[in-house]
Amino acid sequence: MHCTEINGTKIYYEVRPSRRARRLGLTVYAGGRLVVTVPARSKDNPEAFLKRHAGWVLVSLRRQSGKKQLPGGVKDYKQNRPLAHRLVSERIRHFNTFYKFTVGNVTIRNTRSRWGSCSRKGNLSFSYKLVHLSPELSDYIIVHELCHLSEFNHSAAFWQLVAKTIPRYKELRHSLRSFIH
């Protein structure tokens, strides 16, 4: 663990060497854990890089400190994956009576940064952590990905599709940002 001072605030950070990284990177995790990723053969100074991005670091640390941490870990994943699959499958069936899209495979994963995704082949993938969200939020995520089967973008047409079954989608989308998964 390293420590530096930015604008009078002590900042603790980890330095993580990476063979795959091509340049220095910053990541702020839940609880304010800050990691500087450094390419394996880099001669760059991680502390200087951190200070060059001081504004972003301080804002990100402040933003992450107010977020709600969801349960996680391998045990939670194994326990809740079947439940998540049932939930997602049932809600897709429910909403697809309205949309009538062709759905490919549906998978449940232990994702770190995404709630869901849609492939060009029509396959949908979701984070098992949907089971830890309110029904409204999980429905929003499911409908969001379902609508990508028709509109593979975030255009006005896409949001109009979402709004047909989730009229409060803007509010739900905003409240989803307060969770870390």
N, C-alpha and C. Protein backbone atom coordinates (compact mmCIF):
# COMPACT_ATOMS: atom_id res chain seq x y z
N MET A 1 0.85 -1.17 0.00
CA MET A 1 0.00 0.00 0.00
C MET A 1 0.90 1.24 0.00
N HIS A 2 0.55 2.16 -0.87
CA HIS A 2 1.29 3.42 -1.00
C HIS A 2 0.41 4.56 -0.52
N CYS A 3 1.03 5.68 -0.21
CA CYS A 3 0.28 6.84 0.26
C CYS A 3 0.86 8.10 -0.37
N THR A 4 -0.02 9.02 -0.74
CA THR A 4 0.39 10.32 -1.24
C THR A 4 -0.63 11.35 -0.75
N GLU A 5 -0.34 12.61 -0.96
CA GLU A 5 -1.26 13.65 -0.55
C GLU A 5 -1.70 14.45 -1.77
N ILE A 6 -3.02 14.63 -1.89
CA ILE A 6 -3.59 15.41 -2.98
C ILE A 6 -4.52 16.46 -2.37
N ASN A 7 -4.21 17.72 -2.61
CA ASN A 7 -5.01 18.84 -2.08
C ASN A 7 -5.28 18.70 -0.58
N GLY A 8 -4.27 18.30 0.16
CA GLY A 8 -4.40 18.18 1.61
C GLY A 8 -5.08 16.90 2.08
N THR A 9 -5.42 16.02 1.16
CA THR A 9 -6.08 14.76 1.52
C THR A 9 -5.11 13.61 1.31
N LYS A 10 -4.98 12.75 2.33
CA LYS A 10 -4.13 11.57 2.19
C LYS A 10 -4.87 10.56 1.32
N ILE A 11 -4.18 10.07 0.29
CA ILE A 11 -4.74 9.09 -0.63
C ILE A 11 -3.90 7.82 -0.55
N TYR A 12 -4.56 6.72 -0.24
CA TYR A 12 -3.89 5.42 -0.20
C TYR A 12 -4.21 4.69 -1.49
N TYR A 13 -3.19 4.05 -2.05
CA TYR A 13 -3.40 3.36 -3.32
C TYR A 13 -2.49 2.15 -3.44
N GLU A 14 -2.91 1.23 -4.30
CA GLU A 14 -2.12 0.04 -4.62
C GLU A 14 -1.52 0.23 -6.00
N VAL A 15 -0.36 -0.37 -6.23
CA VAL A 15 0.24 -0.39 -7.55
C VAL A 15 0.18 -1.83 -8.03
N ARG A 16 -0.47 -2.04 -9.19
CA ARG A 16 -0.63 -3.39 -9.72
C ARG A 16 0.08 -3.49 -11.07
N PRO A 17 1.20 -4.24 -11.13
CA PRO A 17 1.87 -4.45 -12.41
C PRO A 17 1.00 -5.35 -13.30
N SER A 18 1.03 -5.08 -14.61
CA SER A 18 0.22 -5.88 -15.53
C SER A 18 0.98 -6.12 -16.82
N ARG A 19 1.03 -7.38 -17.25
CA ARG A 19 1.67 -7.70 -18.53
C ARG A 19 0.78 -7.30 -19.71
N ARG A 20 -0.54 -7.25 -19.47
CA ARG A 20 -1.48 -6.93 -20.56
C ARG A 20 -1.68 -5.43 -20.75
N ALA A 21 -1.43 -4.64 -19.72
CA ALA A 21 -1.66 -3.19 -19.82
C ALA A 21 -0.66 -2.55 -20.77
N ARG A 22 -1.14 -1.59 -21.56
CA ARG A 22 -0.26 -0.87 -22.48
C ARG A 22 0.11 0.50 -21.94
N ARG A 23 -0.69 0.99 -20.99
CA ARG A 23 -0.40 2.30 -20.39
C ARG A 23 -0.91 2.31 -18.95
N LEU A 24 -0.51 3.31 -18.21
CA LEU A 24 -0.95 3.45 -16.83
C LEU A 24 -2.47 3.61 -16.78
N GLY A 25 -3.09 3.09 -15.73
CA GLY A 25 -4.54 3.22 -15.58
C GLY A 25 -4.92 3.38 -14.13
N LEU A 26 -6.07 3.99 -13.89
CA LEU A 26 -6.58 4.19 -12.53
C LEU A 26 -7.94 3.53 -12.42
N THR A 27 -8.18 2.85 -11.30
CA THR A 27 -9.48 2.26 -11.02
C THR A 27 -9.82 2.51 -9.57
N VAL A 28 -11.04 2.97 -9.32
CA VAL A 28 -11.53 3.15 -7.96
C VAL A 28 -12.59 2.09 -7.72
N TYR A 29 -12.37 1.25 -6.72
CA TYR A 29 -13.29 0.17 -6.39
C TYR A 29 -14.17 0.55 -5.21
N ALA A 30 -15.09 -0.33 -4.90
CA ALA A 30 -16.00 -0.13 -3.78
C ALA A 30 -15.23 0.16 -2.50
N GLY A 31 -15.79 1.04 -1.71
CA GLY A 31 -15.15 1.38 -0.45
C GLY A 31 -13.97 2.32 -0.61
N GLY A 32 -13.73 2.78 -1.84
CA GLY A 32 -12.66 3.75 -2.05
C GLY A 32 -11.29 3.14 -2.29
N ARG A 33 -11.21 1.86 -2.61
CA ARG A 33 -9.92 1.24 -2.92
C ARG A 33 -9.44 1.75 -4.28
N LEU A 34 -8.26 2.34 -4.30
CA LEU A 34 -7.70 2.93 -5.51
C LEU A 34 -6.52 2.08 -5.99
N VAL A 35 -6.56 1.72 -7.28
CA VAL A 35 -5.50 0.89 -7.85
C VAL A 35 -4.93 1.59 -9.08
N VAL A 36 -3.59 1.68 -9.12
CA VAL A 36 -2.89 2.20 -10.29
C VAL A 36 -2.31 0.99 -11.01
N THR A 37 -2.77 0.76 -12.24
CA THR A 37 -2.27 -0.35 -13.04
C THR A 37 -1.10 0.15 -13.86
N VAL A 38 0.02 -0.58 -13.79
CA VAL A 38 1.26 -0.16 -14.45
C VAL A 38 1.71 -1.26 -15.41
N PRO A 39 1.96 -0.92 -16.68
CA PRO A 39 2.50 -1.93 -17.60
C PRO A 39 3.79 -2.50 -17.04
N ALA A 40 4.02 -3.79 -17.24
CA ALA A 40 5.14 -4.51 -16.62
C ALA A 40 6.49 -3.85 -16.84
N ARG A 41 6.74 -3.34 -18.03
CA ARG A 41 8.07 -2.76 -18.31
C ARG A 41 8.08 -1.24 -18.27
N SER A 42 7.09 -0.64 -17.68
CA SER A 42 6.96 0.81 -17.67
C SER A 42 7.95 1.45 -16.70
N LYS A 43 8.47 2.57 -17.11
CA LYS A 43 9.37 3.36 -16.24
C LYS A 43 8.62 4.55 -15.64
N ASP A 44 7.29 4.66 -15.97
CA ASP A 44 6.48 5.78 -15.48
C ASP A 44 6.34 5.72 -13.96
N ASN A 45 6.19 6.89 -13.37
CA ASN A 45 6.03 7.02 -11.93
C ASN A 45 4.53 7.00 -11.58
N PRO A 46 4.05 5.95 -10.89
CA PRO A 46 2.62 5.85 -10.57
C PRO A 46 2.12 7.02 -9.74
N GLU A 47 2.92 7.52 -8.80
CA GLU A 47 2.49 8.63 -7.95
C GLU A 47 2.31 9.91 -8.78
N ALA A 48 3.23 10.17 -9.68
CA ALA A 48 3.12 11.35 -10.54
C ALA A 48 1.87 11.24 -11.43
N PHE A 49 1.61 10.04 -11.94
CA PHE A 49 0.41 9.80 -12.76
C PHE A 49 -0.85 10.07 -11.95
N LEU A 50 -0.85 9.60 -10.72
CA LEU A 50 -1.99 9.81 -9.82
C LEU A 50 -2.23 11.30 -9.59
N LYS A 51 -1.17 12.03 -9.36
CA LYS A 51 -1.30 13.47 -9.10
C LYS A 51 -1.74 14.25 -10.34
N ARG A 52 -1.33 13.79 -11.53
CA ARG A 52 -1.78 14.44 -12.77
C ARG A 52 -3.29 14.29 -12.95
N HIS A 53 -3.85 13.24 -12.38
CA HIS A 53 -5.29 12.97 -12.49
C HIS A 53 -5.99 13.20 -11.16
N ALA A 54 -5.48 14.13 -10.37
CA ALA A 54 -5.98 14.39 -9.02
C ALA A 54 -7.47 14.71 -8.98
N GLY A 55 -7.93 15.54 -9.89
CA GLY A 55 -9.35 15.91 -9.91
C GLY A 55 -10.24 14.69 -10.08
N TRP A 56 -9.92 13.87 -11.07
CA TRP A 56 -10.70 12.65 -11.33
C TRP A 56 -10.66 11.72 -10.12
N VAL A 57 -9.48 11.56 -9.52
CA VAL A 57 -9.32 10.67 -8.37
C VAL A 57 -10.21 11.11 -7.22
N LEU A 58 -10.15 12.40 -6.87
CA LEU A 58 -10.94 12.90 -5.74
C LEU A 58 -12.44 12.76 -5.99
N VAL A 59 -12.89 13.08 -7.19
CA VAL A 59 -14.31 12.96 -7.52
C VAL A 59 -14.74 11.49 -7.47
N SER A 60 -13.93 10.60 -8.04
CA SER A 60 -14.27 9.17 -8.07
C SER A 60 -14.30 8.57 -6.67
N LEU A 61 -13.35 8.94 -5.83
CA LEU A 61 -13.34 8.43 -4.45
C LEU A 61 -14.58 8.90 -3.70
N ARG A 62 -14.96 10.15 -3.90
CA ARG A 62 -16.16 10.70 -3.24
C ARG A 62 -17.41 9.96 -3.74
N ARG A 63 -17.47 9.74 -5.04
CA ARG A 63 -18.63 9.08 -5.66
C ARG A 63 -18.77 7.63 -5.15
N GLN A 64 -17.64 6.92 -5.07
CA GLN A 64 -17.69 5.51 -4.66
C GLN A 64 -18.03 5.36 -3.18
N SER A 65 -17.66 6.34 -2.37
CA SER A 65 -17.91 6.21 -0.94
C SER A 65 -19.39 6.22 -0.61
N GLY A 66 -20.23 6.81 -1.46
CA GLY A 66 -21.67 6.86 -1.20
C GLY A 66 -22.46 5.72 -1.80
N LYS A 67 -21.79 4.80 -2.48
CA LYS A 67 -22.49 3.71 -3.16
C LYS A 67 -22.76 2.54 -2.22
N LYS A 68 -23.82 1.81 -2.57
CA LYS A 68 -24.21 0.64 -1.78
C LYS A 68 -23.51 -0.59 -2.34
N GLN A 69 -22.85 -1.32 -1.47
CA GLN A 69 -22.14 -2.54 -1.87
C GLN A 69 -23.10 -3.72 -1.79
N LEU A 70 -23.24 -4.44 -2.88
CA LEU A 70 -24.10 -5.62 -2.88
C LEU A 70 -23.29 -6.82 -2.40
N PRO A 71 -23.99 -7.84 -1.87
CA PRO A 71 -23.27 -9.06 -1.48
C PRO A 71 -22.55 -9.64 -2.69
N GLY A 72 -21.53 -10.41 -2.45
CA GLY A 72 -20.78 -10.99 -3.56
C GLY A 72 -19.95 -12.16 -3.11
N GLY A 73 -19.09 -12.62 -3.96
CA GLY A 73 -18.22 -13.74 -3.67
C GLY A 73 -18.72 -15.02 -4.32
N VAL A 74 -17.86 -16.01 -4.33
CA VAL A 74 -18.15 -17.29 -4.98
C VAL A 74 -19.34 -17.99 -4.34
N LYS A 75 -19.39 -17.98 -3.01
CA LYS A 75 -20.50 -18.65 -2.32
C LYS A 75 -21.84 -18.00 -2.68
N ASP A 76 -21.89 -16.67 -2.68
CA ASP A 76 -23.12 -15.95 -3.02
C ASP A 76 -23.52 -16.24 -4.46
N TYR A 77 -22.54 -16.31 -5.35
CA TYR A 77 -22.80 -16.61 -6.75
C TYR A 77 -23.41 -18.00 -6.91
N LYS A 78 -22.77 -18.99 -6.29
CA LYS A 78 -23.27 -20.37 -6.41
C LYS A 78 -24.67 -20.52 -5.82
N GLN A 79 -24.92 -19.82 -4.74
CA GLN A 79 -26.22 -19.89 -4.07
C GLN A 79 -27.32 -19.22 -4.89
N ASN A 80 -27.01 -18.09 -5.49
CA ASN A 80 -28.04 -17.27 -6.12
C ASN A 80 -28.14 -17.38 -7.64
N ARG A 81 -27.20 -18.06 -8.28
CA ARG A 81 -27.24 -18.19 -9.73
C ARG A 81 -28.52 -18.87 -10.22
N PRO A 82 -28.92 -20.02 -9.63
CA PRO A 82 -30.17 -20.66 -10.10
C PRO A 82 -31.39 -19.76 -9.91
N LEU A 83 -31.43 -19.05 -8.79
CA LEU A 83 -32.53 -18.13 -8.51
C LEU A 83 -32.55 -17.00 -9.55
N ALA A 84 -31.38 -16.48 -9.87
CA ALA A 84 -31.28 -15.41 -10.87
C ALA A 84 -31.74 -15.91 -12.24
N HIS A 85 -31.38 -17.14 -12.58
CA HIS A 85 -31.77 -17.68 -13.88
C HIS A 85 -33.29 -17.81 -13.97
N ARG A 86 -33.92 -18.29 -12.90
CA ARG A 86 -35.39 -18.40 -12.88
C ARG A 86 -36.03 -17.02 -12.98
N LEU A 87 -35.52 -16.09 -12.19
CA LEU A 87 -36.06 -14.72 -12.20
C LEU A 87 -35.97 -14.11 -13.60
N VAL A 88 -34.79 -14.16 -14.20
CA VAL A 88 -34.57 -13.56 -15.51
C VAL A 88 -35.44 -14.24 -16.56
N SER A 89 -35.48 -15.56 -16.55
CA SER A 89 -36.28 -16.30 -17.54
C SER A 89 -37.76 -15.95 -17.43
N GLU A 90 -38.27 -15.91 -16.21
CA GLU A 90 -39.69 -15.57 -16.00
C GLU A 90 -40.00 -14.14 -16.47
N ARG A 91 -39.12 -13.20 -16.15
CA ARG A 91 -39.37 -11.80 -16.51
C ARG A 91 -39.22 -11.59 -18.03
N ILE A 92 -38.29 -12.30 -18.65
CA ILE A 92 -38.16 -12.20 -20.11
C ILE A 92 -39.44 -12.72 -20.75
N ARG A 93 -39.95 -13.88 -20.28
CA ARG A 93 -41.22 -14.41 -20.82
C ARG A 93 -42.34 -13.39 -20.64
N HIS A 94 -42.41 -12.81 -19.45
CA HIS A 94 -43.45 -11.82 -19.15
C HIS A 94 -43.37 -10.63 -20.12
N PHE A 95 -42.21 -10.00 -20.22
CA PHE A 95 -42.09 -8.80 -21.05
C PHE A 95 -42.12 -9.12 -22.54
N ASN A 96 -41.69 -10.31 -22.90
CA ASN A 96 -41.66 -10.65 -24.32
C ASN A 96 -43.06 -10.98 -24.86
N THR A 97 -44.05 -11.14 -23.99
CA THR A 97 -45.43 -11.27 -24.49
C THR A 97 -45.83 -9.94 -25.15
N PHE A 98 -45.22 -8.86 -24.71
CA PHE A 98 -45.48 -7.54 -25.29
C PHE A 98 -44.56 -7.30 -26.51
N TYR A 99 -43.25 -7.54 -26.32
CA TYR A 99 -42.29 -7.21 -27.38
C TYR A 99 -42.25 -8.22 -28.53
N LYS A 100 -42.35 -9.50 -28.20
CA LYS A 100 -42.32 -10.58 -29.19
C LYS A 100 -41.00 -10.64 -29.98
N PHE A 101 -39.87 -10.47 -29.27
CA PHE A 101 -38.56 -10.57 -29.89
C PHE A 101 -38.10 -12.03 -29.87
N THR A 102 -37.19 -12.37 -30.76
CA THR A 102 -36.58 -13.70 -30.76
C THR A 102 -35.38 -13.65 -29.82
N VAL A 103 -35.45 -14.43 -28.76
CA VAL A 103 -34.40 -14.44 -27.74
C VAL A 103 -33.53 -15.67 -27.94
N GLY A 104 -32.21 -15.48 -27.95
CA GLY A 104 -31.28 -16.60 -28.05
C GLY A 104 -31.07 -17.22 -26.68
N ASN A 105 -29.84 -17.57 -26.38
CA ASN A 105 -29.51 -18.13 -25.08
C ASN A 105 -29.53 -17.06 -24.00
N VAL A 106 -29.91 -17.46 -22.80
CA VAL A 106 -29.88 -16.57 -21.65
C VAL A 106 -28.90 -17.16 -20.65
N THR A 107 -27.88 -16.37 -20.29
CA THR A 107 -26.88 -16.84 -19.33
C THR A 107 -26.81 -15.92 -18.13
N ILE A 108 -26.41 -16.48 -17.01
CA ILE A 108 -26.22 -15.74 -15.77
C ILE A 108 -24.74 -15.84 -15.42
N ARG A 109 -24.13 -14.70 -15.17
CA ARG A 109 -22.69 -14.67 -14.89
C ARG A 109 -22.40 -13.87 -13.63
N ASN A 110 -21.19 -14.03 -13.15
CA ASN A 110 -20.70 -13.27 -12.00
C ASN A 110 -19.87 -12.11 -12.56
N THR A 111 -20.56 -11.08 -13.04
CA THR A 111 -19.87 -9.96 -13.69
C THR A 111 -19.43 -8.93 -12.67
N ARG A 112 -18.40 -8.18 -13.03
CA ARG A 112 -17.88 -7.16 -12.12
C ARG A 112 -18.35 -5.76 -12.48
N SER A 113 -18.68 -5.54 -13.74
CA SER A 113 -18.98 -4.16 -14.11
C SER A 113 -20.28 -3.97 -14.89
N ARG A 114 -20.91 -5.03 -15.33
CA ARG A 114 -22.13 -4.89 -16.13
C ARG A 114 -23.28 -5.64 -15.50
N TRP A 115 -24.46 -5.05 -15.62
CA TRP A 115 -25.67 -5.71 -15.14
C TRP A 115 -26.19 -6.68 -16.19
N GLY A 116 -25.95 -6.38 -17.46
CA GLY A 116 -26.42 -7.24 -18.52
C GLY A 116 -25.79 -6.87 -19.83
N SER A 117 -25.95 -7.76 -20.81
CA SER A 117 -25.45 -7.48 -22.15
C SER A 117 -26.27 -8.27 -23.16
N CYS A 118 -26.19 -7.82 -24.41
CA CYS A 118 -26.92 -8.45 -25.51
C CYS A 118 -25.93 -8.62 -26.65
N SER A 119 -25.82 -9.83 -27.19
CA SER A 119 -24.90 -10.07 -28.30
C SER A 119 -25.63 -9.86 -29.62
N ARG A 120 -24.88 -9.71 -30.67
CA ARG A 120 -25.46 -9.54 -32.01
C ARG A 120 -26.24 -10.79 -32.43
N LYS A 121 -25.94 -11.94 -31.81
CA LYS A 121 -26.64 -13.18 -32.14
C LYS A 121 -27.96 -13.32 -31.37
N GLY A 122 -28.27 -12.34 -30.53
CA GLY A 122 -29.53 -12.38 -29.78
C GLY A 122 -29.44 -13.08 -28.45
N ASN A 123 -28.21 -13.33 -27.98
CA ASN A 123 -28.02 -13.95 -26.67
C ASN A 123 -27.99 -12.86 -25.60
N LEU A 124 -28.64 -13.15 -24.49
CA LEU A 124 -28.68 -12.19 -23.39
C LEU A 124 -27.91 -12.75 -22.21
N SER A 125 -27.18 -11.89 -21.54
CA SER A 125 -26.39 -12.29 -20.38
C SER A 125 -26.67 -11.30 -19.26
N PHE A 126 -26.79 -11.81 -18.02
CA PHE A 126 -27.11 -10.96 -16.89
C PHE A 126 -26.23 -11.30 -15.69
N SER A 127 -26.03 -10.31 -14.84
CA SER A 127 -25.34 -10.53 -13.57
C SER A 127 -26.29 -11.24 -12.61
N TYR A 128 -25.77 -12.21 -11.90
CA TYR A 128 -26.60 -12.91 -10.91
C TYR A 128 -27.06 -11.96 -9.81
N LYS A 129 -26.36 -10.83 -9.66
CA LYS A 129 -26.68 -9.90 -8.57
C LYS A 129 -28.01 -9.17 -8.77
N LEU A 130 -28.69 -9.45 -9.89
CA LEU A 130 -30.04 -8.91 -10.08
C LEU A 130 -30.95 -9.35 -8.93
N VAL A 131 -30.67 -10.52 -8.36
CA VAL A 131 -31.53 -11.01 -7.27
C VAL A 131 -31.43 -10.14 -6.03
N HIS A 132 -30.39 -9.34 -5.92
CA HIS A 132 -30.20 -8.47 -4.76
C HIS A 132 -30.83 -7.08 -4.96
N LEU A 133 -31.37 -6.84 -6.15
CA LEU A 133 -31.98 -5.54 -6.45
C LEU A 133 -33.48 -5.60 -6.23
N SER A 134 -34.12 -4.45 -6.20
CA SER A 134 -35.58 -4.41 -6.11
C SER A 134 -36.16 -4.96 -7.41
N PRO A 135 -37.38 -5.47 -7.38
CA PRO A 135 -38.01 -5.97 -8.62
C PRO A 135 -38.05 -4.92 -9.72
N GLU A 136 -38.29 -3.67 -9.36
CA GLU A 136 -38.33 -2.59 -10.36
C GLU A 136 -37.00 -2.43 -11.08
N LEU A 137 -35.90 -2.46 -10.32
CA LEU A 137 -34.59 -2.29 -10.93
C LEU A 137 -34.21 -3.49 -11.79
N SER A 138 -34.48 -4.70 -11.29
CA SER A 138 -34.15 -5.88 -12.10
C SER A 138 -35.00 -5.91 -13.37
N ASP A 139 -36.27 -5.53 -13.28
CA ASP A 139 -37.12 -5.47 -14.48
C ASP A 139 -36.56 -4.46 -15.49
N TYR A 140 -36.11 -3.31 -15.00
CA TYR A 140 -35.54 -2.31 -15.90
C TYR A 140 -34.34 -2.89 -16.66
N ILE A 141 -33.45 -3.57 -15.95
CA ILE A 141 -32.25 -4.14 -16.58
C ILE A 141 -32.64 -5.19 -17.62
N ILE A 142 -33.58 -6.04 -17.26
CA ILE A 142 -34.03 -7.10 -18.17
C ILE A 142 -34.66 -6.50 -19.43
N VAL A 143 -35.53 -5.53 -19.26
CA VAL A 143 -36.17 -4.88 -20.41
C VAL A 143 -35.13 -4.14 -21.25
N HIS A 144 -34.19 -3.49 -20.61
CA HIS A 144 -33.12 -2.78 -21.31
C HIS A 144 -32.41 -3.73 -22.28
N GLU A 145 -31.99 -4.87 -21.79
CA GLU A 145 -31.27 -5.82 -22.65
C GLU A 145 -32.20 -6.44 -23.68
N LEU A 146 -33.43 -6.72 -23.30
CA LEU A 146 -34.41 -7.26 -24.24
C LEU A 146 -34.63 -6.31 -25.42
N CYS A 147 -34.70 -5.02 -25.16
CA CYS A 147 -34.92 -4.03 -26.21
C CYS A 147 -33.72 -3.91 -27.16
N HIS A 148 -32.54 -4.31 -26.68
CA HIS A 148 -31.37 -4.30 -27.57
C HIS A 148 -31.51 -5.34 -28.68
N LEU A 149 -32.41 -6.29 -28.51
CA LEU A 149 -32.64 -7.26 -29.58
C LEU A 149 -33.23 -6.59 -30.82
N SER A 150 -33.91 -5.48 -30.62
CA SER A 150 -34.50 -4.73 -31.73
C SER A 150 -33.63 -3.53 -32.11
N GLU A 151 -33.14 -2.81 -31.13
CA GLU A 151 -32.31 -1.61 -31.34
C GLU A 151 -30.98 -1.83 -30.64
N PHE A 152 -29.93 -2.12 -31.43
CA PHE A 152 -28.63 -2.45 -30.84
C PHE A 152 -27.83 -1.17 -30.60
N ASN A 153 -28.45 -0.21 -29.89
CA ASN A 153 -27.83 1.08 -29.62
C ASN A 153 -28.63 1.75 -28.50
N HIS A 154 -28.31 2.98 -28.19
CA HIS A 154 -29.07 3.73 -27.19
C HIS A 154 -29.71 4.97 -27.84
N SER A 155 -30.29 4.76 -28.99
CA SER A 155 -30.94 5.85 -29.73
C SER A 155 -32.28 6.20 -29.09
N ALA A 156 -32.91 7.25 -29.61
CA ALA A 156 -34.24 7.64 -29.13
C ALA A 156 -35.24 6.50 -29.35
N ALA A 157 -35.10 5.78 -30.46
CA ALA A 157 -36.00 4.65 -30.75
C ALA A 157 -35.85 3.55 -29.69
N PHE A 158 -34.61 3.32 -29.26
CA PHE A 158 -34.36 2.32 -28.22
C PHE A 158 -35.08 2.72 -26.93
N TRP A 159 -34.89 3.98 -26.50
CA TRP A 159 -35.50 4.42 -25.24
C TRP A 159 -37.02 4.44 -25.32
N GLN A 160 -37.56 4.68 -26.49
CA GLN A 160 -39.02 4.62 -26.67
C GLN A 160 -39.51 3.19 -26.46
N LEU A 161 -38.75 2.22 -26.94
CA LEU A 161 -39.10 0.81 -26.73
C LEU A 161 -39.10 0.48 -25.23
N VAL A 162 -38.05 0.90 -24.55
CA VAL A 162 -37.94 0.64 -23.10
C VAL A 162 -39.12 1.28 -22.37
N ALA A 163 -39.44 2.50 -22.74
CA ALA A 163 -40.50 3.27 -22.06
C ALA A 163 -41.88 2.63 -22.19
N LYS A 164 -42.08 1.80 -23.20
CA LYS A 164 -43.39 1.16 -23.38
C LYS A 164 -43.76 0.26 -22.21
N THR A 165 -42.78 -0.37 -21.59
CA THR A 165 -43.08 -1.24 -20.44
C THR A 165 -42.47 -0.73 -19.13
N ILE A 166 -41.48 0.15 -19.23
CA ILE A 166 -40.84 0.73 -18.04
C ILE A 166 -40.87 2.25 -18.18
N PRO A 167 -42.04 2.87 -17.94
CA PRO A 167 -42.14 4.33 -18.16
C PRO A 167 -41.20 5.15 -17.26
N ARG A 168 -40.84 4.62 -16.09
CA ARG A 168 -39.95 5.35 -15.17
C ARG A 168 -38.48 4.99 -15.39
N TYR A 169 -38.12 4.58 -16.60
CA TYR A 169 -36.77 4.09 -16.86
C TYR A 169 -35.68 5.10 -16.51
N LYS A 170 -35.92 6.40 -16.71
CA LYS A 170 -34.89 7.40 -16.40
C LYS A 170 -34.57 7.42 -14.91
N GLU A 171 -35.59 7.41 -14.11
CA GLU A 171 -35.42 7.42 -12.66
C GLU A 171 -34.72 6.14 -12.19
N LEU A 172 -35.13 5.00 -12.74
CA LEU A 172 -34.53 3.72 -12.34
C LEU A 172 -33.08 3.65 -12.79
N ARG A 173 -32.80 4.12 -13.98
CA ARG A 173 -31.44 4.13 -14.50
C ARG A 173 -30.54 4.96 -13.59
N HIS A 174 -31.05 6.09 -13.15
CA HIS A 174 -30.29 6.96 -12.26
C HIS A 174 -30.04 6.28 -10.91
N SER A 175 -31.06 5.66 -10.33
CA SER A 175 -30.89 5.03 -9.01
C SER A 175 -29.98 3.81 -9.08
N LEU A 176 -29.87 3.19 -10.24
CA LEU A 176 -28.97 2.03 -10.40
C LEU A 176 -27.51 2.43 -10.24
N ARG A 177 -27.21 3.69 -10.49
CA ARG A 177 -25.82 4.17 -10.37
C ARG A 177 -25.34 4.20 -8.93
N SER A 178 -26.25 4.07 -7.98
CA SER A 178 -25.84 4.11 -6.57
C SER A 178 -25.40 2.75 -6.05
N PHE A 179 -25.37 1.74 -6.93
CA PHE A 179 -24.95 0.39 -6.53
C PHE A 179 -23.61 0.05 -7.14
N ILE A 180 -22.85 -0.71 -6.37
CA ILE A 180 -21.58 -1.27 -6.86
C ILE A 180 -21.79 -2.77 -6.89
N HIS A 181 -21.48 -3.36 -8.00
CA HIS A 181 -21.56 -4.82 -8.01
C HIS A 181 -20.28 -5.38 -8.52
